Amino acid sequence: MTDIEDKFPRGLWVRLVIYIAVGHLFAGFVYLLFEVGAKQ
């Protein structure tokens, strides 16, 4: 794990995790909109 951490700085990992989290939240929101739209 130390080899990977040396290649990628800590800030990059934090940014990557944030982008993935935001992407999942956005995808979930869009999915929710489609689910509600389909029921009506």
PDB file of N, CA and C in Angstrom:
ATOM      1  N   MET A   1       0.832  -1.205   0.000  1.00  0.00           N
ATOM      2  CA  MET A   1       0.000   0.000   0.000  1.00  0.00           C
ATOM      3  C   MET A   1       0.868   1.258   0.000  1.00  0.00           C
ATOM      4  N   THR A   2       2.061   1.151   0.566  1.00  0.00           N
ATOM      5  CA  THR A   2       2.930   2.327   0.629  1.00  0.00           C
ATOM      6  C   THR A   2       3.392   2.751  -0.763  1.00  0.00           C
ATOM      7  N   ASP A   3       3.571   1.794  -1.657  1.00  0.00           N
ATOM      8  CA  ASP A   3       3.991   2.132  -3.027  1.00  0.00           C
ATOM      9  C   ASP A   3       2.916   2.956  -3.730  1.00  0.00           C
ATOM     10  N   ILE A   4       1.675   2.557  -3.554  1.00  0.00           N
ATOM     11  CA  ILE A   4       0.568   3.285  -4.186  1.00  0.00           C
ATOM     12  C   ILE A   4       0.440   4.680  -3.569  1.00  0.00           C
ATOM     13  N   GLU A   5       0.589   4.771  -2.261  1.00  0.00           N
ATOM     14  CA  GLU A   5       0.475   6.062  -1.587  1.00  0.00           C
ATOM     15  C   GLU A   5       1.609   7.004  -1.981  1.00  0.00           C
ATOM     16  N   ASP A   6       2.769   6.433  -2.302  1.00  0.00           N
ATOM     17  CA  ASP A   6       3.881   7.272  -2.746  1.00  0.00           C
ATOM     18  C   ASP A   6       3.625   7.838  -4.145  1.00  0.00           C
ATOM     19  N   LYS A   7       2.966   7.047  -4.988  1.00  0.00           N
ATOM     20  CA  LYS A   7       2.686   7.499  -6.357  1.00  0.00           C
ATOM     21  C   LYS A   7       1.582   8.562  -6.378  1.00  0.00           C
ATOM     22  N   PHE A   8       0.567   8.398  -5.525  1.00  0.00           N
ATOM     23  CA  PHE A   8      -0.536   9.354  -5.480  1.00  0.00           C
ATOM     24  C   PHE A   8      -0.510  10.117  -4.165  1.00  0.00           C
ATOM     25  N   PRO A   9      -0.481  11.446  -4.220  1.00  0.00           N
ATOM     26  CA  PRO A   9      -0.488  12.233  -2.989  1.00  0.00           C
ATOM     27  C   PRO A   9      -1.809  12.079  -2.233  1.00  0.00           C
ATOM     28  N   ARG A  10      -1.781  12.397  -0.941  1.00  0.00           N
ATOM     29  CA  ARG A  10      -2.965  12.242  -0.088  1.00  0.00           C
ATOM     30  C   ARG A  10      -4.136  13.100  -0.578  1.00  0.00           C
ATOM     31  N   GLY A  11      -3.839  14.320  -1.032  1.00  0.00           N
ATOM     32  CA  GLY A  11      -4.892  15.220  -1.503  1.00  0.00           C
ATOM     33  C   GLY A  11      -5.649  14.647  -2.687  1.00  0.00           C
ATOM     34  N   LEU A  12      -4.938  13.899  -3.541  1.00  0.00           N
ATOM     35  CA  LEU A  12      -5.581  13.301  -4.712  1.00  0.00           C
ATOM     36  C   LEU A  12      -6.574  12.230  -4.286  1.00  0.00           C
ATOM     37  N   TRP A  13      -6.199  11.423  -3.275  1.00  0.00           N
ATOM     38  CA  TRP A  13      -7.107  10.377  -2.768  1.00  0.00           C
ATOM     39  C   TRP A  13      -8.358  11.003  -2.185  1.00  0.00           C
ATOM     40  N   VAL A  14      -8.174  12.090  -1.390  1.00  0.00           N
ATOM     41  CA  VAL A  14      -9.326  12.763  -0.773  1.00  0.00           C
ATOM     42  C   VAL A  14     -10.257  13.298  -1.849  1.00  0.00           C
ATOM     43  N   ARG A  15      -9.673  13.940  -2.876  1.00  0.00           N
ATOM     44  CA  ARG A  15     -10.471  14.500  -3.968  1.00  0.00           C
ATOM     45  C   ARG A  15     -11.204  13.384  -4.716  1.00  0.00           C
ATOM     46  N   LEU A  16     -10.524  12.251  -4.924  1.00  0.00           N
ATOM     47  CA  LEU A  16     -11.126  11.126  -5.638  1.00  0.00           C
ATOM     48  C   LEU A  16     -12.326  10.577  -4.870  1.00  0.00           C
ATOM     49  N   VAL A  17     -12.166  10.414  -3.558  1.00  0.00           N
ATOM     50  CA  VAL A  17     -13.267   9.911  -2.723  1.00  0.00           C
ATOM     51  C   VAL A  17     -14.447  10.876  -2.744  1.00  0.00           C
ATOM     52  N   ILE A  18     -14.156  12.183  -2.678  1.00  0.00           N
ATOM     53  CA  ILE A  18     -15.228  13.193  -2.705  1.00  0.00           C
ATOM     54  C   ILE A  18     -15.958  13.152  -4.047  1.00  0.00           C
ATOM     55  N   TYR A  19     -15.207  13.070  -5.152  1.00  0.00           N
ATOM     56  CA  TYR A  19     -15.836  13.013  -6.470  1.00  0.00           C
ATOM     57  C   TYR A  19     -16.720  11.783  -6.617  1.00  0.00           C
ATOM     58  N   ILE A  20     -16.249  10.636  -6.114  1.00  0.00           N
ATOM     59  CA  ILE A  20     -17.037   9.401  -6.198  1.00  0.00           C
ATOM     60  C   ILE A  20     -18.312   9.526  -5.363  1.00  0.00           C
ATOM     61  N   ALA A  21     -18.185  10.091  -4.160  1.00  0.00           N
ATOM     62  CA  ALA A  21     -19.343  10.261  -3.276  1.00  0.00           C
ATOM     63  C   ALA A  21     -20.371  11.197  -3.914  1.00  0.00           C
ATOM     64  N   VAL A  22     -19.904  12.336  -4.445  1.00  0.00           N
ATOM     65  CA  VAL A  22     -20.807  13.301  -5.083  1.00  0.00           C
ATOM     66  C   VAL A  22     -21.448  12.687  -6.325  1.00  0.00           C
ATOM     67  N   GLY A  23     -20.666  11.926  -7.081  1.00  0.00           N
ATOM     68  CA  GLY A  23     -21.192  11.267  -8.283  1.00  0.00           C
ATOM     69  C   GLY A  23     -22.290  10.283  -7.936  1.00  0.00           C
ATOM     70  N   HIS A  24     -22.109   9.525  -6.857  1.00  0.00           N
ATOM     71  CA  HIS A  24     -23.137   8.573  -6.443  1.00  0.00           C
ATOM     72  C   HIS A  24     -24.385   9.290  -5.944  1.00  0.00           C
ATOM     73  N   LEU A  25     -24.202  10.376  -5.208  1.00  0.00           N
ATOM     74  CA  LEU A  25     -25.353  11.148  -4.723  1.00  0.00           C
ATOM     75  C   LEU A  25     -26.133  11.731  -5.894  1.00  0.00           C
ATOM     76  N   PHE A  26     -25.418  12.263  -6.888  1.00  0.00           N
ATOM     77  CA  PHE A  26     -26.070  12.832  -8.065  1.00  0.00           C
ATOM     78  C   PHE A  26     -26.819  11.757  -8.852  1.00  0.00           C
ATOM     79  N   ALA A  27     -26.177  10.594  -9.023  1.00  0.00           N
ATOM     80  CA  ALA A  27     -26.811   9.490  -9.747  1.00  0.00           C
ATOM     81  C   ALA A  27     -28.050   9.013  -8.997  1.00  0.00           C
ATOM     82  N   GLY A  28     -27.974   8.950  -7.669  1.00  0.00           N
ATOM     83  CA  GLY A  28     -29.123   8.544  -6.860  1.00  0.00           C
ATOM     84  C   GLY A  28     -30.255   9.546  -6.973  1.00  0.00           C
ATOM     85  N   PHE A  29     -29.920  10.831  -7.016  1.00  0.00           N
ATOM     86  CA  PHE A  29     -30.931  11.878  -7.152  1.00  0.00           C
ATOM     87  C   PHE A  29     -31.639  11.785  -8.504  1.00  0.00           C
ATOM     88  N   VAL A  30     -30.863  11.579  -9.567  1.00  0.00           N
ATOM     89  CA  VAL A  30     -31.446  11.430 -10.907  1.00  0.00           C
ATOM     90  C   VAL A  30     -32.331  10.195 -10.970  1.00  0.00           C
ATOM     91  N   TYR A  31     -31.863   9.096 -10.351  1.00  0.00           N
ATOM     92  CA  TYR A  31     -32.652   7.851 -10.307  1.00  0.00           C
ATOM     93  C   TYR A  31     -33.965   8.078  -9.564  1.00  0.00           C
ATOM     94  N   LEU A  32     -33.885   8.829  -8.470  1.00  0.00           N
ATOM     95  CA  LEU A  32     -35.085   9.133  -7.678  1.00  0.00           C
ATOM     96  C   LEU A  32     -36.079   9.956  -8.509  1.00  0.00           C
ATOM     97  N   LEU A  33     -35.574  10.914  -9.261  1.00  0.00           N
ATOM     98  CA  LEU A  33     -36.431  11.737 -10.117  1.00  0.00           C
ATOM     99  C   LEU A  33     -37.158  10.864 -11.152  1.00  0.00           C
ATOM    100  N   PHE A  34     -36.443   9.933 -11.747  1.00  0.00           N
ATOM    101  CA  PHE A  34     -37.045   9.038 -12.740  1.00  0.00           C
ATOM    102  C   PHE A  34     -38.089   8.120 -12.095  1.00  0.00           C
ATOM    103  N   GLU A  35     -37.796   7.629 -10.888  1.00  0.00           N
ATOM    104  CA  GLU A  35     -38.737   6.760 -10.172  1.00  0.00           C
ATOM    105  C   GLU A  35     -40.021   7.518  -9.855  1.00  0.00           C
ATOM    106  N   VAL A  36     -39.906   8.741  -9.333  1.00  0.00           N
ATOM    107  CA  VAL A  36     -41.082   9.537  -8.999  1.00  0.00           C
ATOM    108  C   VAL A  36     -41.848   9.909 -10.273  1.00  0.00           C
ATOM    109  N   GLY A  37     -41.117  10.257 -11.330  1.00  0.00           N
ATOM    110  CA  GLY A  37     -41.754  10.619 -12.601  1.00  0.00           C
ATOM    111  C   GLY A  37     -42.500   9.443 -13.225  1.00  0.00           C
ATOM    112  N   ALA A  38     -41.994   8.236 -13.050  1.00  0.00           N
ATOM    113  CA  ALA A  38     -42.621   7.065 -13.643  1.00  0.00           C
ATOM    114  C   ALA A  38     -43.914   6.711 -12.911  1.00  0.00           C
ATOM    115  N   LYS A  39     -43.978   6.990 -11.621  1.00  0.00           N
ATOM    116  CA  LYS A  39     -45.180   6.652 -10.834  1.00  0.00           C
ATOM    117  C   LYS A  39     -46.341   7.594 -11.130  1.00  0.00           C
ATOM    118  N   GLN A  40     -46.029   8.824 -11.489  1.00  0.00           N
ATOM    119  CA  GLN A  40     -47.096   9.807 -11.710  1.00  0.00           C
ATOM    120  C   GLN A  40     -47.666   9.751 -13.120  1.00  0.00           C
TER     121      GLN A  40
END
